[in-house]
Each structure stands twice: as structure tokens, then as C-alpha cells.
Amino acid sequence: MDAVSKKKKYRIPDGEITYSDLNIPAKALFSKRYRIAGKPDYIVKRNHHYIPIEVKSGSYPNPQRNHILQLATYCQLIEDNYRDFVPYGIIIYKNSDFKIPFDPKLRFELESVINKIRGSLKNEKIVLNHNDPGRCRFCSMRSYCTEKLV
């Protein structure tokens, strides 16, 4: 699928697609500072900034907290890898799109979550924070969790 078709199908905003992991697997971005890695669906260069785009298959009236933190992770990874300020990222759901500012509040929350996860892994205390078997089945903390739902 060419870039124009991808942009139309996934409602990608104007700009140059500089990274894509949706159709062909791409190399993960890594942050030495936070020791995190991730692969956004797209990175679009727009107005001299790199903007992460995350495409979700569900429909939601508002952006989901876990999706916002995932997007914030991609914003941080882009800043650490491209050495460029990321003003926002975009979450695209089936029914709506959300522009999420990568502001100081979200930056602080992301760092807090990273530190909390690190502390839980260090102490080997992973606590279940939902009751969704689907999330449980594909959770990256599954091998550490003692409260698995499935």
C-alpha cells in the first residue's frame, strides 16, 4: 500500500510518513535514559516536528488512559531518538481522532508510571489493576503476575 492510500485508510494527518510499523514491522525505538522501547504505528514529520500516530481498532468516545500513556511513551522515544521536541501525538480510533499534548503533566505521569513498574518488577510485586480477561491474556507483565485472570 502506498503512502497516499495509508494516509487515507488510517486518517493520517498531512506530513511526511517517516516511520511505519503497521503493515511492515519496523525497528523498535529505544530510550537509554528510561530503558524503554516501543514501536508507534506511524511517525509523521509535520511543521518541523515528528508526531507519533497510534491507530486503534476500537471505538471510544474519549481517549483511553492506557492508550494515552502508550502514546506518551512514543513521544518520549521520539524525543530521545530524534533529539527533537514532540508537542503532541495522535490516537486514531475507528470513530474519532484525538490530539494528545505531550505537556509537562503527561511527561511527569509517564515518568511516574515507568518508575512504578520498575519498582514492582524489582520487588516482584505485580498487582492486578483491571478485571478484563482480554487485557490479561496479552499483558506484558503476565509472567510476573500472581493474580492472572486467565
N, C-alpha and C. Protein backbone atom coordinates (compact mmCIF):
# COMPACT_ATOMS: atom_id res chain seq x y z
N MET A 1 0.85 -1.17 0.00
CA MET A 1 0.00 0.00 0.00
C MET A 1 0.90 1.24 0.00
N ASP A 2 0.64 2.16 -0.89
CA ASP A 2 1.47 3.37 -0.97
C ASP A 2 1.08 4.36 0.14
N ALA A 3 1.92 5.39 0.30
CA ALA A 3 1.74 6.36 1.39
C ALA A 3 0.40 7.07 1.32
N VAL A 4 -0.05 7.42 0.13
CA VAL A 4 -1.32 8.14 -0.02
C VAL A 4 -2.48 7.24 0.43
N SER A 5 -2.46 5.98 0.03
CA SER A 5 -3.51 5.04 0.43
C SER A 5 -3.52 4.83 1.94
N LYS A 6 -2.33 4.70 2.55
CA LYS A 6 -2.22 4.54 4.00
C LYS A 6 -2.81 5.75 4.71
N LYS A 7 -2.45 6.93 4.25
CA LYS A 7 -2.93 8.15 4.88
C LYS A 7 -4.46 8.22 4.85
N LYS A 8 -5.02 7.86 3.71
CA LYS A 8 -6.47 7.92 3.56
C LYS A 8 -7.14 6.84 4.42
N LYS A 9 -6.66 5.60 4.34
CA LYS A 9 -7.27 4.49 5.08
C LYS A 9 -7.25 4.72 6.58
N TYR A 10 -6.11 5.16 7.12
CA TYR A 10 -5.96 5.32 8.57
C TYR A 10 -6.15 6.76 9.05
N ARG A 11 -6.57 7.67 8.16
CA ARG A 11 -6.79 9.08 8.50
C ARG A 11 -5.54 9.73 9.09
N ILE A 12 -4.40 9.43 8.51
CA ILE A 12 -3.13 10.01 8.94
C ILE A 12 -3.10 11.46 8.50
N PRO A 13 -2.73 12.38 9.40
CA PRO A 13 -2.71 13.80 9.03
C PRO A 13 -1.62 14.11 8.00
N ASP A 14 -1.74 15.28 7.39
CA ASP A 14 -0.75 15.72 6.41
C ASP A 14 0.64 15.74 7.02
N GLY A 15 1.62 15.46 6.18
CA GLY A 15 3.01 15.42 6.60
C GLY A 15 3.68 14.22 5.97
N GLU A 16 4.98 14.15 6.13
CA GLU A 16 5.76 13.04 5.57
C GLU A 16 5.80 11.88 6.56
N ILE A 17 5.36 10.69 6.12
CA ILE A 17 5.47 9.50 6.97
C ILE A 17 6.94 9.10 6.99
N THR A 18 7.56 9.19 8.18
CA THR A 18 8.98 8.86 8.30
C THR A 18 9.21 7.50 8.94
N TYR A 19 8.14 6.90 9.48
CA TYR A 19 8.25 5.61 10.17
C TYR A 19 6.88 4.96 10.11
N SER A 20 6.87 3.65 9.88
CA SER A 20 5.62 2.91 9.87
C SER A 20 5.85 1.49 10.37
N ASP A 21 5.02 1.06 11.31
CA ASP A 21 5.11 -0.30 11.84
C ASP A 21 3.80 -1.04 11.61
N LEU A 22 2.86 -0.44 10.92
CA LEU A 22 1.54 -1.05 10.81
C LEU A 22 1.47 -2.17 9.78
N ASN A 23 2.08 -2.00 8.64
CA ASN A 23 2.00 -3.02 7.59
C ASN A 23 3.26 -3.88 7.50
N ILE A 24 4.41 -3.27 7.73
CA ILE A 24 5.69 -3.98 7.69
C ILE A 24 6.39 -3.69 9.01
N PRO A 25 6.78 -4.72 9.77
CA PRO A 25 7.44 -4.48 11.05
C PRO A 25 8.66 -3.56 10.92
N ALA A 26 8.74 -2.59 11.82
CA ALA A 26 9.85 -1.64 11.84
C ALA A 26 10.72 -1.91 13.06
N LYS A 27 11.89 -1.30 13.06
CA LYS A 27 12.81 -1.43 14.19
C LYS A 27 12.25 -0.63 15.37
N ALA A 28 12.31 -1.22 16.55
CA ALA A 28 11.83 -0.54 17.75
C ALA A 28 12.72 0.65 18.10
N LEU A 29 12.12 1.68 18.65
CA LEU A 29 12.86 2.81 19.17
C LEU A 29 13.22 2.49 20.62
N PHE A 30 14.38 2.95 21.08
CA PHE A 30 14.83 2.64 22.43
C PHE A 30 15.33 3.90 23.12
N SER A 31 14.98 4.05 24.39
CA SER A 31 15.45 5.17 25.20
C SER A 31 16.45 4.64 26.23
N LYS A 32 17.70 5.07 26.12
CA LYS A 32 18.72 4.67 27.11
C LYS A 32 18.39 5.30 28.46
N ARG A 33 17.89 6.52 28.44
CA ARG A 33 17.60 7.24 29.68
C ARG A 33 16.55 6.53 30.52
N TYR A 34 15.46 6.07 29.89
CA TYR A 34 14.37 5.43 30.61
C TYR A 34 14.38 3.90 30.49
N ARG A 35 15.24 3.38 29.64
CA ARG A 35 15.30 1.93 29.38
C ARG A 35 13.92 1.39 28.99
N ILE A 36 13.34 2.06 27.99
CA ILE A 36 12.05 1.64 27.44
C ILE A 36 12.20 1.53 25.92
N ALA A 37 11.33 0.73 25.32
CA ALA A 37 11.34 0.56 23.87
C ALA A 37 9.90 0.52 23.39
N GLY A 38 9.73 0.84 22.12
CA GLY A 38 8.39 0.80 21.55
C GLY A 38 8.39 1.07 20.07
N LYS A 39 7.26 0.75 19.45
CA LYS A 39 7.11 0.93 18.00
C LYS A 39 5.76 1.58 17.72
N PRO A 40 5.77 2.91 17.51
CA PRO A 40 4.50 3.55 17.15
C PRO A 40 4.02 3.04 15.79
N ASP A 41 2.73 3.16 15.54
CA ASP A 41 2.23 2.74 14.23
C ASP A 41 2.81 3.62 13.12
N TYR A 42 2.84 4.93 13.37
CA TYR A 42 3.41 5.86 12.39
C TYR A 42 4.12 6.99 13.11
N ILE A 43 5.09 7.56 12.42
CA ILE A 43 5.65 8.86 12.80
C ILE A 43 5.53 9.73 11.56
N VAL A 44 4.91 10.89 11.74
CA VAL A 44 4.73 11.83 10.65
C VAL A 44 5.53 13.09 10.97
N LYS A 45 6.32 13.55 10.01
CA LYS A 45 7.03 14.82 10.18
C LYS A 45 6.10 15.92 9.69
N ARG A 46 5.78 16.82 10.63
CA ARG A 46 4.78 17.85 10.34
C ARG A 46 5.21 19.15 11.01
N ASN A 47 5.28 20.22 10.26
CA ASN A 47 5.70 21.53 10.80
C ASN A 47 7.02 21.42 11.57
N HIS A 48 7.97 20.72 11.01
CA HIS A 48 9.32 20.56 11.57
C HIS A 48 9.37 19.74 12.85
N HIS A 49 8.30 18.99 13.16
CA HIS A 49 8.28 18.13 14.35
C HIS A 49 7.87 16.72 13.94
N TYR A 50 8.35 15.75 14.69
CA TYR A 50 7.96 14.36 14.49
C TYR A 50 6.79 14.06 15.41
N ILE A 51 5.70 13.55 14.85
CA ILE A 51 4.45 13.31 15.58
C ILE A 51 4.12 11.81 15.54
N PRO A 52 4.03 11.16 16.72
CA PRO A 52 3.63 9.75 16.72
C PRO A 52 2.12 9.61 16.51
N ILE A 53 1.77 8.60 15.74
CA ILE A 53 0.36 8.30 15.46
C ILE A 53 0.12 6.86 15.89
N GLU A 54 -0.89 6.65 16.72
CA GLU A 54 -1.26 5.31 17.16
C GLU A 54 -2.67 5.02 16.66
N VAL A 55 -2.81 3.97 15.86
CA VAL A 55 -4.09 3.58 15.27
C VAL A 55 -4.66 2.41 16.08
N LYS A 56 -5.87 2.59 16.59
CA LYS A 56 -6.54 1.56 17.39
C LYS A 56 -7.75 1.03 16.65
N SER A 57 -8.06 -0.23 16.89
CA SER A 57 -9.17 -0.86 16.17
C SER A 57 -10.53 -0.62 16.83
N GLY A 58 -10.55 -0.17 18.08
CA GLY A 58 -11.80 0.05 18.79
C GLY A 58 -12.39 1.42 18.56
N SER A 59 -13.59 1.60 19.11
CA SER A 59 -14.30 2.89 19.05
C SER A 59 -14.51 3.36 20.49
N TYR A 60 -14.11 4.58 20.75
CA TYR A 60 -14.25 5.15 22.09
C TYR A 60 -14.68 6.60 21.99
N PRO A 61 -15.52 7.06 22.92
CA PRO A 61 -15.93 8.46 22.89
C PRO A 61 -14.82 9.40 23.39
N ASN A 62 -13.89 8.85 24.17
CA ASN A 62 -12.78 9.61 24.73
C ASN A 62 -11.51 8.76 24.65
N PRO A 63 -10.34 9.40 24.63
CA PRO A 63 -9.11 8.62 24.61
C PRO A 63 -8.96 7.82 25.90
N GLN A 64 -8.55 6.57 25.78
CA GLN A 64 -8.37 5.69 26.93
C GLN A 64 -7.03 5.99 27.60
N ARG A 65 -7.01 5.93 28.92
CA ARG A 65 -5.81 6.29 29.70
C ARG A 65 -4.61 5.46 29.29
N ASN A 66 -4.80 4.15 29.12
CA ASN A 66 -3.68 3.29 28.73
C ASN A 66 -3.16 3.65 27.33
N HIS A 67 -4.04 4.07 26.45
CA HIS A 67 -3.63 4.49 25.11
C HIS A 67 -2.86 5.82 25.17
N ILE A 68 -3.29 6.71 26.04
CA ILE A 68 -2.60 7.99 26.21
C ILE A 68 -1.18 7.74 26.72
N LEU A 69 -1.03 6.86 27.69
CA LEU A 69 0.31 6.56 28.22
C LEU A 69 1.18 5.85 27.18
N GLN A 70 0.57 5.00 26.39
CA GLN A 70 1.31 4.36 25.29
C GLN A 70 1.81 5.42 24.32
N LEU A 71 0.94 6.36 23.96
CA LEU A 71 1.32 7.44 23.05
C LEU A 71 2.41 8.32 23.67
N ALA A 72 2.28 8.60 24.96
CA ALA A 72 3.30 9.41 25.66
C ALA A 72 4.65 8.71 25.61
N THR A 73 4.65 7.39 25.73
CA THR A 73 5.89 6.62 25.61
C THR A 73 6.52 6.85 24.25
N TYR A 74 5.71 6.83 23.21
CA TYR A 74 6.23 7.05 21.85
C TYR A 74 6.76 8.49 21.70
N CYS A 75 6.07 9.45 22.30
CA CYS A 75 6.57 10.84 22.26
C CYS A 75 7.96 10.90 22.88
N GLN A 76 8.13 10.27 24.05
CA GLN A 76 9.42 10.29 24.73
C GLN A 76 10.48 9.57 23.91
N LEU A 77 10.12 8.44 23.33
CA LEU A 77 11.07 7.69 22.50
C LEU A 77 11.53 8.52 21.30
N ILE A 78 10.61 9.24 20.70
CA ILE A 78 10.96 10.09 19.55
C ILE A 78 11.90 11.20 20.01
N GLU A 79 11.59 11.84 21.13
CA GLU A 79 12.47 12.89 21.62
C GLU A 79 13.87 12.36 21.89
N ASP A 80 13.96 11.19 22.49
CA ASP A 80 15.26 10.62 22.82
C ASP A 80 16.02 10.13 21.60
N ASN A 81 15.32 9.67 20.58
CA ASN A 81 15.98 9.14 19.39
C ASN A 81 16.24 10.19 18.32
N TYR A 82 15.29 11.10 18.14
CA TYR A 82 15.40 12.11 17.08
C TYR A 82 15.96 13.43 17.60
N ARG A 83 16.09 13.51 18.94
CA ARG A 83 16.59 14.74 19.59
C ARG A 83 15.81 15.97 19.13
N ASP A 84 14.48 15.81 19.16
CA ASP A 84 13.59 16.87 18.72
C ASP A 84 12.39 16.92 19.65
N PHE A 85 11.91 18.11 19.96
CA PHE A 85 10.74 18.30 20.80
C PHE A 85 9.50 17.74 20.12
N VAL A 86 8.70 16.98 20.86
CA VAL A 86 7.44 16.44 20.35
C VAL A 86 6.30 17.17 21.07
N PRO A 87 5.55 18.01 20.36
CA PRO A 87 4.49 18.78 21.03
C PRO A 87 3.23 17.97 21.35
N TYR A 88 2.96 16.94 20.56
CA TYR A 88 1.75 16.14 20.75
C TYR A 88 1.86 14.84 19.96
N GLY A 89 0.92 13.95 20.23
CA GLY A 89 0.76 12.73 19.45
C GLY A 89 -0.71 12.59 19.11
N ILE A 90 -1.03 11.64 18.25
CA ILE A 90 -2.43 11.46 17.83
C ILE A 90 -2.83 10.00 18.00
N ILE A 91 -4.01 9.81 18.61
CA ILE A 91 -4.62 8.48 18.71
C ILE A 91 -5.79 8.47 17.73
N ILE A 92 -5.81 7.45 16.87
CA ILE A 92 -6.89 7.33 15.89
C ILE A 92 -7.70 6.07 16.21
N TYR A 93 -8.97 6.29 16.57
CA TYR A 93 -9.92 5.20 16.78
C TYR A 93 -10.79 5.08 15.55
N LYS A 94 -11.60 4.03 15.48
CA LYS A 94 -12.49 3.85 14.33
C LYS A 94 -13.42 5.04 14.15
N ASN A 95 -13.90 5.60 15.27
CA ASN A 95 -14.92 6.65 15.19
C ASN A 95 -14.42 8.06 15.47
N SER A 96 -13.16 8.22 15.90
CA SER A 96 -12.69 9.55 16.26
C SER A 96 -11.17 9.60 16.37
N ASP A 97 -10.64 10.80 16.31
CA ASP A 97 -9.20 11.04 16.45
C ASP A 97 -8.99 12.00 17.62
N PHE A 98 -7.89 11.82 18.34
CA PHE A 98 -7.58 12.69 19.47
C PHE A 98 -6.14 13.15 19.41
N LYS A 99 -5.96 14.46 19.49
CA LYS A 99 -4.63 15.07 19.55
C LYS A 99 -4.30 15.21 21.04
N ILE A 100 -3.26 14.52 21.48
CA ILE A 100 -2.89 14.48 22.89
C ILE A 100 -1.61 15.29 23.10
N PRO A 101 -1.69 16.43 23.82
CA PRO A 101 -0.49 17.23 24.06
C PRO A 101 0.52 16.46 24.93
N PHE A 102 1.77 16.51 24.56
CA PHE A 102 2.83 15.92 25.38
C PHE A 102 3.35 17.03 26.29
N ASP A 103 2.50 17.39 27.24
CA ASP A 103 2.77 18.53 28.11
C ASP A 103 3.47 18.07 29.40
N PRO A 104 3.89 19.00 30.25
CA PRO A 104 4.61 18.62 31.48
C PRO A 104 3.84 17.65 32.37
N LYS A 105 2.52 17.79 32.45
CA LYS A 105 1.71 16.89 33.28
C LYS A 105 1.81 15.45 32.77
N LEU A 106 1.67 15.26 31.47
CA LEU A 106 1.74 13.91 30.89
C LEU A 106 3.16 13.36 30.98
N ARG A 107 4.15 14.20 30.80
CA ARG A 107 5.55 13.78 30.94
C ARG A 107 5.82 13.26 32.36
N PHE A 108 5.32 13.99 33.35
CA PHE A 108 5.51 13.59 34.75
C PHE A 108 4.79 12.27 35.02
N GLU A 109 3.55 12.14 34.51
CA GLU A 109 2.78 10.91 34.72
C GLU A 109 3.49 9.72 34.08
N LEU A 110 4.02 9.90 32.88
CA LEU A 110 4.75 8.82 32.21
C LEU A 110 5.95 8.38 33.05
N GLU A 111 6.73 9.34 33.51
CA GLU A 111 7.91 9.00 34.32
C GLU A 111 7.49 8.30 35.62
N SER A 112 6.40 8.73 36.23
CA SER A 112 5.90 8.09 37.45
C SER A 112 5.49 6.65 37.20
N VAL A 113 4.80 6.41 36.08
CA VAL A 113 4.37 5.05 35.74
C VAL A 113 5.59 4.15 35.46
N ILE A 114 6.57 4.68 34.74
CA ILE A 114 7.79 3.91 34.47
C ILE A 114 8.46 3.53 35.79
N ASN A 115 8.57 4.48 36.70
CA ASN A 115 9.21 4.20 38.00
C ASN A 115 8.40 3.20 38.82
N LYS A 116 7.08 3.30 38.76
CA LYS A 116 6.22 2.37 39.49
C LYS A 116 6.39 0.95 38.95
N ILE A 117 6.41 0.82 37.64
CA ILE A 117 6.60 -0.50 37.02
C ILE A 117 7.96 -1.07 37.41
N ARG A 118 9.00 -0.24 37.34
CA ARG A 118 10.34 -0.69 37.72
C ARG A 118 10.37 -1.17 39.18
N GLY A 119 9.72 -0.41 40.06
CA GLY A 119 9.67 -0.79 41.47
C GLY A 119 8.93 -2.10 41.68
N SER A 120 7.83 -2.28 40.95
CA SER A 120 7.07 -3.53 41.06
C SER A 120 7.89 -4.72 40.58
N LEU A 121 8.60 -4.54 39.48
CA LEU A 121 9.43 -5.62 38.96
C LEU A 121 10.58 -5.94 39.93
N LYS A 122 11.16 -4.90 40.49
CA LYS A 122 12.28 -5.09 41.42
C LYS A 122 11.81 -5.84 42.67
N ASN A 123 10.63 -5.47 43.16
CA ASN A 123 10.08 -6.10 44.37
C ASN A 123 9.29 -7.37 44.07
N GLU A 124 9.18 -7.70 42.79
CA GLU A 124 8.42 -8.87 42.34
C GLU A 124 6.99 -8.84 42.85
N LYS A 125 6.40 -7.64 42.90
CA LYS A 125 5.01 -7.49 43.32
C LYS A 125 4.23 -6.84 42.19
N ILE A 126 3.63 -7.64 41.34
CA ILE A 126 2.79 -7.13 40.27
C ILE A 126 1.34 -7.27 40.73
N VAL A 127 0.62 -6.16 40.75
CA VAL A 127 -0.75 -6.16 41.25
C VAL A 127 -1.70 -5.97 40.08
N LEU A 128 -2.72 -6.79 40.04
CA LEU A 128 -3.75 -6.70 39.00
C LEU A 128 -4.48 -5.36 39.13
N ASN A 129 -4.61 -4.63 38.03
CA ASN A 129 -5.28 -3.32 38.08
C ASN A 129 -6.50 -3.25 37.17
N HIS A 130 -7.06 -4.41 36.81
CA HIS A 130 -8.26 -4.45 35.96
C HIS A 130 -8.92 -5.81 36.12
N ASN A 131 -10.08 -5.97 35.50
CA ASN A 131 -10.79 -7.25 35.52
C ASN A 131 -11.15 -7.69 34.11
N ASP A 132 -10.27 -7.41 33.16
CA ASP A 132 -10.51 -7.69 31.75
C ASP A 132 -9.66 -8.87 31.30
N PRO A 133 -10.28 -10.05 31.08
CA PRO A 133 -9.51 -11.22 30.65
C PRO A 133 -8.74 -11.00 29.35
N GLY A 134 -9.28 -10.19 28.45
CA GLY A 134 -8.60 -9.91 27.18
C GLY A 134 -7.29 -9.16 27.40
N ARG A 135 -7.33 -8.15 28.26
CA ARG A 135 -6.10 -7.41 28.59
C ARG A 135 -5.12 -8.33 29.31
N CYS A 136 -5.64 -9.15 30.21
CA CYS A 136 -4.80 -10.06 30.99
C CYS A 136 -4.05 -11.02 30.06
N ARG A 137 -4.75 -11.57 29.10
CA ARG A 137 -4.18 -12.58 28.20
C ARG A 137 -2.96 -12.04 27.44
N PHE A 138 -2.97 -10.75 27.10
CA PHE A 138 -1.89 -10.19 26.29
C PHE A 138 -1.01 -9.20 27.06
N CYS A 139 -1.11 -9.21 28.38
CA CYS A 139 -0.35 -8.27 29.20
C CYS A 139 1.14 -8.59 29.20
N SER A 140 1.96 -7.54 29.09
CA SER A 140 3.41 -7.74 29.09
C SER A 140 3.93 -8.12 30.48
N MET A 141 3.14 -7.94 31.52
CA MET A 141 3.54 -8.28 32.89
C MET A 141 3.02 -9.65 33.31
N ARG A 142 2.38 -10.35 32.39
CA ARG A 142 1.73 -11.62 32.68
C ARG A 142 2.63 -12.62 33.38
N SER A 143 3.87 -12.73 32.94
CA SER A 143 4.76 -13.74 33.52
C SER A 143 5.15 -13.40 34.97
N TYR A 144 4.96 -12.15 35.39
CA TYR A 144 5.29 -11.74 36.75
C TYR A 144 4.08 -11.72 37.67
N CYS A 145 2.90 -11.74 37.09
CA CYS A 145 1.66 -11.53 37.84
C CYS A 145 1.22 -12.80 38.57
N THR A 146 0.80 -12.63 39.82
CA THR A 146 0.28 -13.77 40.61
C THR A 146 -1.24 -13.75 40.67
N GLU A 147 -1.88 -12.78 39.99
CA GLU A 147 -3.33 -12.64 40.03
C GLU A 147 -3.96 -12.78 38.64
N LYS A 148 -3.38 -13.61 37.78
CA LYS A 148 -3.88 -13.75 36.41
C LYS A 148 -5.36 -14.11 36.37
N LEU A 149 -6.08 -13.51 35.44
CA LEU A 149 -7.50 -13.82 35.28
C LEU A 149 -7.70 -15.04 34.37
N VAL A 150 -6.80 -15.23 33.44
CA VAL A 150 -6.89 -16.38 32.51
C VAL A 150 -5.56 -17.08 32.42
